[in-house]
């Protein structure tokens, strides 16, 4: 979120919302270094809905194919 920033009242285990992520939102995200993408939540006043689930490591590898000749 930023270097050398003070966030008062935040404790380990708290959830944080980042409202203006710009290029860091899902549409511009990548799986660089095999990091799964985070979930997306739509917030409208006092309502919220999960609109994209968090990726798993299985999601990152499910389309990979290993050629038979590379197997021992």
PDB file of N, CA and C in Angstrom:
ATOM      1  N   UNK A   1       0.813  -1.202   0.000  1.00  0.00           N
ATOM      2  CA  UNK A   1       0.000   0.000   0.000  1.00  0.00           C
ATOM      3  C   UNK A   1       0.852   1.259   0.000  1.00  0.00           C
ATOM      4  N   UNK A   2       2.088   1.140   0.425  1.00  0.00           N
ATOM      5  CA  UNK A   2       2.989   2.286   0.423  1.00  0.00           C
ATOM      6  C   UNK A   2       4.092   2.110   1.439  1.00  0.00           C
ATOM      7  N   UNK A   3       5.239   2.667   1.140  1.00  0.00           N
ATOM      8  CA  UNK A   3       6.365   2.587   2.069  1.00  0.00           C
ATOM      9  C   UNK A   3       6.249   3.676   3.117  1.00  0.00           C
ATOM     10  N   UNK A   4       6.673   3.343   4.321  1.00  0.00           N
ATOM     11  CA  UNK A   4       6.725   4.301   5.430  1.00  0.00           C
ATOM     12  C   UNK A   4       5.379   4.978   5.680  1.00  0.00           C
ATOM     13  N   UNK A   5       4.312   4.205   5.629  1.00  0.00           N
ATOM     14  CA  UNK A   5       2.965   4.727   5.906  1.00  0.00           C
ATOM     15  C   UNK A   5       2.500   4.187   7.252  1.00  0.00           C
ATOM     16  N   UNK A   6       1.840   5.014   8.027  1.00  0.00           N
ATOM     17  CA  UNK A   6       1.286   4.594   9.314  1.00  0.00           C
ATOM     18  C   UNK A   6      -0.193   4.285   9.114  1.00  0.00           C
ATOM     19  N   UNK A   7      -0.613   3.104   9.565  1.00  0.00           N
ATOM     20  CA  UNK A   7      -2.016   2.720   9.486  1.00  0.00           C
ATOM     21  C   UNK A   7      -2.480   2.424  10.904  1.00  0.00           C
ATOM     22  N   UNK A   8      -3.063   3.400  11.529  1.00  0.00           N
ATOM     23  CA  UNK A   8      -3.509   3.263  12.915  1.00  0.00           C
ATOM     24  C   UNK A   8      -4.702   2.324  13.024  1.00  0.00           C
ATOM     25  N   UNK A   9      -4.715   1.531  14.073  1.00  0.00           N
ATOM     26  CA  UNK A   9      -5.862   0.679  14.369  1.00  0.00           C
ATOM     27  C   UNK A   9      -5.938  -0.591  13.541  1.00  0.00           C
ATOM     28  N   UNK A  10      -4.924  -0.896  12.759  1.00  0.00           N
ATOM     29  CA  UNK A  10      -4.926  -2.113  11.948  1.00  0.00           C
ATOM     30  C   UNK A  10      -4.125  -3.177  12.679  1.00  0.00           C
ATOM     31  N   UNK A  11      -4.732  -4.354  12.792  1.00  0.00           N
ATOM     32  CA  UNK A  11      -4.072  -5.451  13.494  1.00  0.00           C
ATOM     33  C   UNK A  11      -3.955  -6.661  12.583  1.00  0.00           C
ATOM     34  N   UNK A  12      -3.055  -7.559  12.912  1.00  0.00           N
ATOM     35  CA  UNK A  12      -2.883  -8.782  12.144  1.00  0.00           C
ATOM     36  C   UNK A  12      -4.213  -9.523  12.083  1.00  0.00           C
ATOM     37  N   UNK A  13      -4.570  -9.974  10.876  1.00  0.00           N
ATOM     38  CA  UNK A  13      -5.831 -10.679  10.670  1.00  0.00           C
ATOM     39  C   UNK A  13      -6.958  -9.786  10.183  1.00  0.00           C
ATOM     40  N   UNK A  14      -6.792  -8.458  10.257  1.00  0.00           N
ATOM     41  CA  UNK A  14      -7.806  -7.532   9.756  1.00  0.00           C
ATOM     42  C   UNK A  14      -7.880  -7.612   8.231  1.00  0.00           C
ATOM     43  N   UNK A  15      -9.049  -7.310   7.670  1.00  0.00           N
ATOM     44  CA  UNK A  15      -9.215  -7.216   6.227  1.00  0.00           C
ATOM     45  C   UNK A  15      -9.104  -5.755   5.823  1.00  0.00           C
ATOM     46  N   UNK A  16      -8.438  -5.495   4.703  1.00  0.00           N
ATOM     47  CA  UNK A  16      -8.283  -4.133   4.204  1.00  0.00           C
ATOM     48  C   UNK A  16      -8.934  -4.016   2.837  1.00  0.00           C
ATOM     49  N   UNK A  17      -9.534  -2.882   2.560  1.00  0.00           N
ATOM     50  CA  UNK A  17     -10.109  -2.608   1.246  1.00  0.00           C
ATOM     51  C   UNK A  17      -9.265  -1.543   0.562  1.00  0.00           C
ATOM     52  N   UNK A  18      -8.895  -1.807  -0.685  1.00  0.00           N
ATOM     53  CA  UNK A  18      -8.150  -0.841  -1.490  1.00  0.00           C
ATOM     54  C   UNK A  18      -9.096  -0.416  -2.604  1.00  0.00           C
ATOM     55  N   UNK A  19      -9.585   0.814  -2.542  1.00  0.00           N
ATOM     56  CA  UNK A  19     -10.647   1.252  -3.444  1.00  0.00           C
ATOM     57  C   UNK A  19     -10.153   1.732  -4.806  1.00  0.00           C
ATOM     58  N   UNK A  20      -8.987   2.296  -4.892  1.00  0.00           N
ATOM     59  CA  UNK A  20      -8.482   2.808  -6.169  1.00  0.00           C
ATOM     60  C   UNK A  20      -7.158   2.134  -6.489  1.00  0.00           C
ATOM     61  N   UNK A  21      -7.242   0.937  -7.031  1.00  0.00           N
ATOM     62  CA  UNK A  21      -6.032   0.159  -7.280  1.00  0.00           C
ATOM     63  C   UNK A  21      -5.419   0.448  -8.644  1.00  0.00           C
ATOM     64  N   UNK A  22      -6.140   1.148  -9.512  1.00  0.00           N
ATOM     65  CA  UNK A  22      -5.597   1.480 -10.826  1.00  0.00           C
ATOM     66  C   UNK A  22      -5.171   0.235 -11.583  1.00  0.00           C
ATOM     67  N   UNK A  23      -3.928   0.220 -12.052  1.00  0.00           N
ATOM     68  CA  UNK A  23      -3.409  -0.898 -12.845  1.00  0.00           C
ATOM     69  C   UNK A  23      -3.208  -2.153 -12.018  1.00  0.00           C
ATOM     70  N   UNK A  24      -3.413  -2.069 -10.716  1.00  0.00           N
ATOM     71  CA  UNK A  24      -3.228  -3.241  -9.869  1.00  0.00           C
ATOM     72  C   UNK A  24      -4.515  -4.037  -9.694  1.00  0.00           C
ATOM     73  N   UNK A  25      -5.576  -3.670 -10.381  1.00  0.00           N
ATOM     74  CA  UNK A  25      -6.815  -4.430 -10.350  1.00  0.00           C
ATOM     75  C   UNK A  25      -6.701  -5.687 -11.196  1.00  0.00           C
ATOM     76  N   UNK A  26      -7.745  -6.498 -11.219  1.00  0.00           N
ATOM     77  CA  UNK A  26      -7.695  -7.797 -11.895  1.00  0.00           C
ATOM     78  C   UNK A  26      -7.379  -7.671 -13.379  1.00  0.00           C
ATOM     79  N   UNK A  27      -7.965  -6.689 -14.053  1.00  0.00           N
ATOM     80  CA  UNK A  27      -7.800  -6.603 -15.509  1.00  0.00           C
ATOM     81  C   UNK A  27      -6.351  -6.402 -15.929  1.00  0.00           C
ATOM     82  N   UNK A  28      -5.524  -5.828 -15.093  1.00  0.00           N
ATOM     83  CA  UNK A  28      -4.114  -5.612 -15.417  1.00  0.00           C
ATOM     84  C   UNK A  28      -3.191  -6.530 -14.617  1.00  0.00           C
ATOM     85  N   UNK A  29      -3.756  -7.466 -13.883  1.00  0.00           N
ATOM     86  CA  UNK A  29      -2.929  -8.317 -13.023  1.00  0.00           C
ATOM     87  C   UNK A  29      -2.308  -9.464 -13.811  1.00  0.00           C
ATOM     88  N   UNK A  30      -1.307 -10.073 -13.229  1.00  0.00           N
ATOM     89  CA  UNK A  30      -0.673 -11.241 -13.837  1.00  0.00           C
ATOM     90  C   UNK A  30      -0.320 -12.221 -12.724  1.00  0.00           C
ATOM     91  N   UNK A  31       0.141 -13.370 -13.113  1.00  0.00           N
ATOM     92  CA  UNK A  31       0.558 -14.373 -12.135  1.00  0.00           C
ATOM     93  C   UNK A  31       2.079 -14.407 -12.028  1.00  0.00           C
ATOM     94  N   UNK A  32       2.682 -13.239 -12.113  1.00  0.00           N
ATOM     95  CA  UNK A  32       4.133 -13.122 -12.010  1.00  0.00           C
ATOM     96  C   UNK A  32       4.617 -13.840 -10.752  1.00  0.00           C
ATOM     97  N   UNK A  33       5.670 -14.616 -10.894  1.00  0.00           N
ATOM     98  CA  UNK A  33       6.234 -15.400  -9.787  1.00  0.00           C
ATOM     99  C   UNK A  33       5.237 -16.397  -9.207  1.00  0.00           C
ATOM    100  N   UNK A  34       4.297 -16.838 -10.023  1.00  0.00           N
ATOM    101  CA  UNK A  34       3.309 -17.851  -9.610  1.00  0.00           C
ATOM    102  C   UNK A  34       2.517 -17.441  -8.380  1.00  0.00           C
ATOM    103  N   UNK A  35       2.108 -16.191  -8.348  1.00  0.00           N
ATOM    104  CA  UNK A  35       1.285 -15.706  -7.238  1.00  0.00           C
ATOM    105  C   UNK A  35      -0.175 -15.688  -7.677  1.00  0.00           C
ATOM    106  N   UNK A  36      -1.038 -16.401  -6.968  1.00  0.00           N
ATOM    107  CA  UNK A  36      -2.462 -16.397  -7.321  1.00  0.00           C
ATOM    108  C   UNK A  36      -3.062 -14.999  -7.155  1.00  0.00           C
ATOM    109  N   UNK A  37      -4.039 -14.696  -7.996  1.00  0.00           N
ATOM    110  CA  UNK A  37      -4.726 -13.406  -7.888  1.00  0.00           C
ATOM    111  C   UNK A  37      -5.679 -13.431  -6.688  1.00  0.00           C
ATOM    112  N   UNK A  38      -5.904 -12.266  -6.131  1.00  0.00           N
ATOM    113  CA  UNK A  38      -6.779 -12.152  -4.964  1.00  0.00           C
ATOM    114  C   UNK A  38      -8.244 -12.146  -5.401  1.00  0.00           C
ATOM    115  N   UNK A  39      -9.127 -12.318  -4.448  1.00  0.00           N
ATOM    116  CA  UNK A  39     -10.565 -12.261  -4.715  1.00  0.00           C
ATOM    117  C   UNK A  39     -10.973 -10.821  -5.012  1.00  0.00           C
ATOM    118  N   UNK A  40     -12.113 -10.668  -5.675  1.00  0.00           N
ATOM    119  CA  UNK A  40     -12.681  -9.342  -5.909  1.00  0.00           C
ATOM    120  C   UNK A  40     -14.048  -9.275  -5.240  1.00  0.00           C
ATOM    121  N   UNK A  41     -14.307  -8.159  -4.601  1.00  0.00           N
ATOM    122  CA  UNK A  41     -15.566  -7.942  -3.898  1.00  0.00           C
ATOM    123  C   UNK A  41     -16.180  -6.642  -4.396  1.00  0.00           C
ATOM    124  N   UNK A  42     -17.442  -6.688  -4.776  1.00  0.00           N
ATOM    125  CA  UNK A  42     -18.181  -5.499  -5.180  1.00  0.00           C
ATOM    126  C   UNK A  42     -18.842  -4.917  -3.938  1.00  0.00           C
ATOM    127  N   UNK A  43     -18.611  -3.626  -3.678  1.00  0.00           N
ATOM    128  CA  UNK A  43     -19.189  -2.964  -2.510  1.00  0.00           C
ATOM    129  C   UNK A  43     -20.103  -1.847  -2.996  1.00  0.00           C
ATOM    130  N   UNK A  44     -21.342  -1.839  -2.505  1.00  0.00           N
ATOM    131  CA  UNK A  44     -22.314  -0.798  -2.832  1.00  0.00           C
ATOM    132  C   UNK A  44     -23.005  -0.378  -1.544  1.00  0.00           C
ATOM    133  N   UNK A  45     -22.577   0.740  -1.005  1.00  0.00           N
ATOM    134  CA  UNK A  45     -23.060   1.239   0.284  1.00  0.00           C
ATOM    135  C   UNK A  45     -22.863   0.175   1.361  1.00  0.00           C
ATOM    136  N   UNK A  46     -23.938  -0.403   1.892  1.00  0.00           N
ATOM    137  CA  UNK A  46     -23.793  -1.397   2.963  1.00  0.00           C
ATOM    138  C   UNK A  46     -23.906  -2.833   2.448  1.00  0.00           C
ATOM    139  N   UNK A  47     -23.898  -3.006   1.120  1.00  0.00           N
ATOM    140  CA  UNK A  47     -23.987  -4.345   0.537  1.00  0.00           C
ATOM    141  C   UNK A  47     -22.649  -4.729  -0.080  1.00  0.00           C
ATOM    142  N   UNK A  48     -22.326  -5.998  -0.024  1.00  0.00           N
ATOM    143  CA  UNK A  48     -21.110  -6.466  -0.683  1.00  0.00           C
ATOM    144  C   UNK A  48     -21.332  -7.870  -1.227  1.00  0.00           C
ATOM    145  N   UNK A  49     -20.666  -8.162  -2.338  1.00  0.00           N
ATOM    146  CA  UNK A  49     -20.797  -9.468  -2.982  1.00  0.00           C
ATOM    147  C   UNK A  49     -19.447  -9.895  -3.531  1.00  0.00           C
ATOM    148  N   UNK A  50     -19.116 -11.154  -3.346  1.00  0.00           N
ATOM    149  CA  UNK A  50     -17.926 -11.721  -3.956  1.00  0.00           C
ATOM    150  C   UNK A  50     -18.204 -11.858  -5.445  1.00  0.00           C
ATOM    151  N   UNK A  51     -17.391 -11.222  -6.294  1.00  0.00           N
ATOM    152  CA  UNK A  51     -17.628 -11.293  -7.736  1.00  0.00           C
ATOM    153  C   UNK A  51     -16.548 -12.091  -8.464  1.00  0.00           C
ATOM    154  N   UNK A  52     -15.450 -12.387  -7.794  1.00  0.00           N
ATOM    155  CA  UNK A  52     -14.423 -13.268  -8.362  1.00  0.00           C
ATOM    156  C   UNK A  52     -13.704 -13.921  -7.194  1.00  0.00           C
ATOM    157  N   UNK A  53     -13.672 -15.245  -7.160  1.00  0.00           N
ATOM    158  CA  UNK A  53     -13.037 -15.929  -6.036  1.00  0.00           C
ATOM    159  C   UNK A  53     -11.520 -15.819  -6.136  1.00  0.00           C
ATOM    160  N   UNK A  54     -10.868 -16.000  -5.032  1.00  0.00           N
ATOM    161  CA  UNK A  54      -9.409 -16.012  -4.983  1.00  0.00           C
ATOM    162  C   UNK A  54      -8.898 -17.203  -5.784  1.00  0.00           C
ATOM    163  N   UNK A  55      -7.827 -17.005  -6.542  1.00  0.00           N
ATOM    164  CA  UNK A  55      -7.230 -18.113  -7.276  1.00  0.00           C
ATOM    165  C   UNK A  55      -6.468 -19.032  -6.328  1.00  0.00           C
ATOM    166  N   UNK A  56      -6.387 -20.283  -6.713  1.00  0.00           N
ATOM    167  CA  UNK A  56      -5.606 -21.257  -5.953  1.00  0.00           C
ATOM    168  C   UNK A  56      -4.368 -21.627  -6.772  1.00  0.00           C
ATOM    169  N   UNK A  57      -3.427 -22.307  -6.142  1.00  0.00           N
ATOM    170  CA  UNK A  57      -2.262 -22.778  -6.888  1.00  0.00           C
ATOM    171  C   UNK A  57      -2.683 -23.794  -7.943  1.00  0.00           C
ATOM    172  N   UNK A  58      -3.734 -24.547  -7.657  1.00  0.00           N
ATOM    173  CA  UNK A  58      -4.255 -25.481  -8.658  1.00  0.00           C
ATOM    174  C   UNK A  58      -4.758 -24.729  -9.886  1.00  0.00           C
ATOM    175  N   UNK A  59      -5.395 -23.573  -9.689  1.00  0.00           N
ATOM    176  CA  UNK A  59      -5.835 -22.753 -10.817  1.00  0.00           C
ATOM    177  C   UNK A  59      -4.657 -22.366 -11.710  1.00  0.00           C
ATOM    178  N   UNK A  60      -3.505 -22.135 -11.106  1.00  0.00           N
ATOM    179  CA  UNK A  60      -2.330 -21.711 -11.869  1.00  0.00           C
ATOM    180  C   UNK A  60      -1.757 -22.828 -12.730  1.00  0.00           C
ATOM    181  N   UNK A  61      -1.964 -24.078 -12.329  1.00  0.00           N
ATOM    182  CA  UNK A  61      -1.336 -25.196 -13.040  1.00  0.00           C
ATOM    183  C   UNK A  61      -2.316 -26.092 -13.790  1.00  0.00           C
ATOM    184  N   UNK A  62      -3.603 -25.852 -13.677  1.00  0.00           N
ATOM    185  CA  UNK A  62      -4.575 -26.797 -14.247  1.00  0.00           C
ATOM    186  C   UNK A  62      -4.533 -26.902 -15.768  1.00  0.00           C
ATOM    187  N   UNK A  63      -3.978 -25.934 -16.470  1.00  0.00           N
ATOM    188  CA  UNK A  63      -3.910 -26.001 -17.930  1.00  0.00           C
ATOM    189  C   UNK A  63      -2.527 -26.418 -18.434  1.00  0.00           C
ATOM    190  N   UNK A  64      -1.609 -26.696 -17.530  1.00  0.00           N
ATOM    191  CA  UNK A  64      -0.274 -27.124 -17.933  1.00  0.00           C
ATOM    192  C   UNK A  64      -0.298 -28.583 -18.375  1.00  0.00           C
ATOM    193  N   UNK A  65       0.546 -28.883 -19.348  1.00  0.00           N
ATOM    194  CA  UNK A  65       0.659 -30.256 -19.843  1.00  0.00           C
ATOM    195  C   UNK A  65       2.135 -30.639 -19.828  1.00  0.00           C
ATOM    196  N   UNK A  66       2.441 -31.803 -19.288  1.00  0.00           N
ATOM    197  CA  UNK A  66       3.814 -32.290 -19.229  1.00  0.00           C
ATOM    198  C   UNK A  66       3.956 -33.409 -20.253  1.00  0.00           C
ATOM    199  N   UNK A  67       4.840 -33.238 -21.236  1.00  0.00           N
ATOM    200  CA  UNK A  67       5.003 -34.277 -22.260  1.00  0.00           C
ATOM    201  C   UNK A  67       5.467 -35.597 -21.645  1.00  0.00           C
ATOM    202  N   UNK A  68       4.960 -36.699 -22.172  1.00  0.00           N
ATOM    203  CA  UNK A  68       5.316 -38.023 -21.653  1.00  0.00           C
ATOM    204  C   UNK A  68       6.817 -38.277 -21.679  1.00  0.00           C
ATOM    205  N   UNK A  69       7.516 -37.798 -22.712  1.00  0.00           N
ATOM    206  CA  UNK A  69       8.940 -38.106 -22.824  1.00  0.00           C
ATOM    207  C   UNK A  69       9.786 -37.440 -21.741  1.00  0.00           C
ATOM    208  N   UNK A  70       9.218 -36.516 -20.985  1.00  0.00           N
ATOM    209  CA  UNK A  70       9.984 -35.876 -19.909  1.00  0.00           C
ATOM    210  C   UNK A  70       9.840 -36.615 -18.588  1.00  0.00           C
ATOM    211  N   UNK A  71       8.943 -37.574 -18.540  1.00  0.00           N
ATOM    212  CA  UNK A  71       8.706 -38.317 -17.294  1.00  0.00           C
ATOM    213  C   UNK A  71       9.761 -39.398 -17.109  1.00  0.00           C
ATOM    214  N   UNK A  72      10.119 -39.627 -15.886  1.00  0.00           N
ATOM    215  CA  UNK A  72      11.130 -40.647 -15.569  1.00  0.00           C
ATOM    216  C   UNK A  72      10.469 -42.000 -15.413  1.00  0.00           C
TER     217      UNK A  72
END
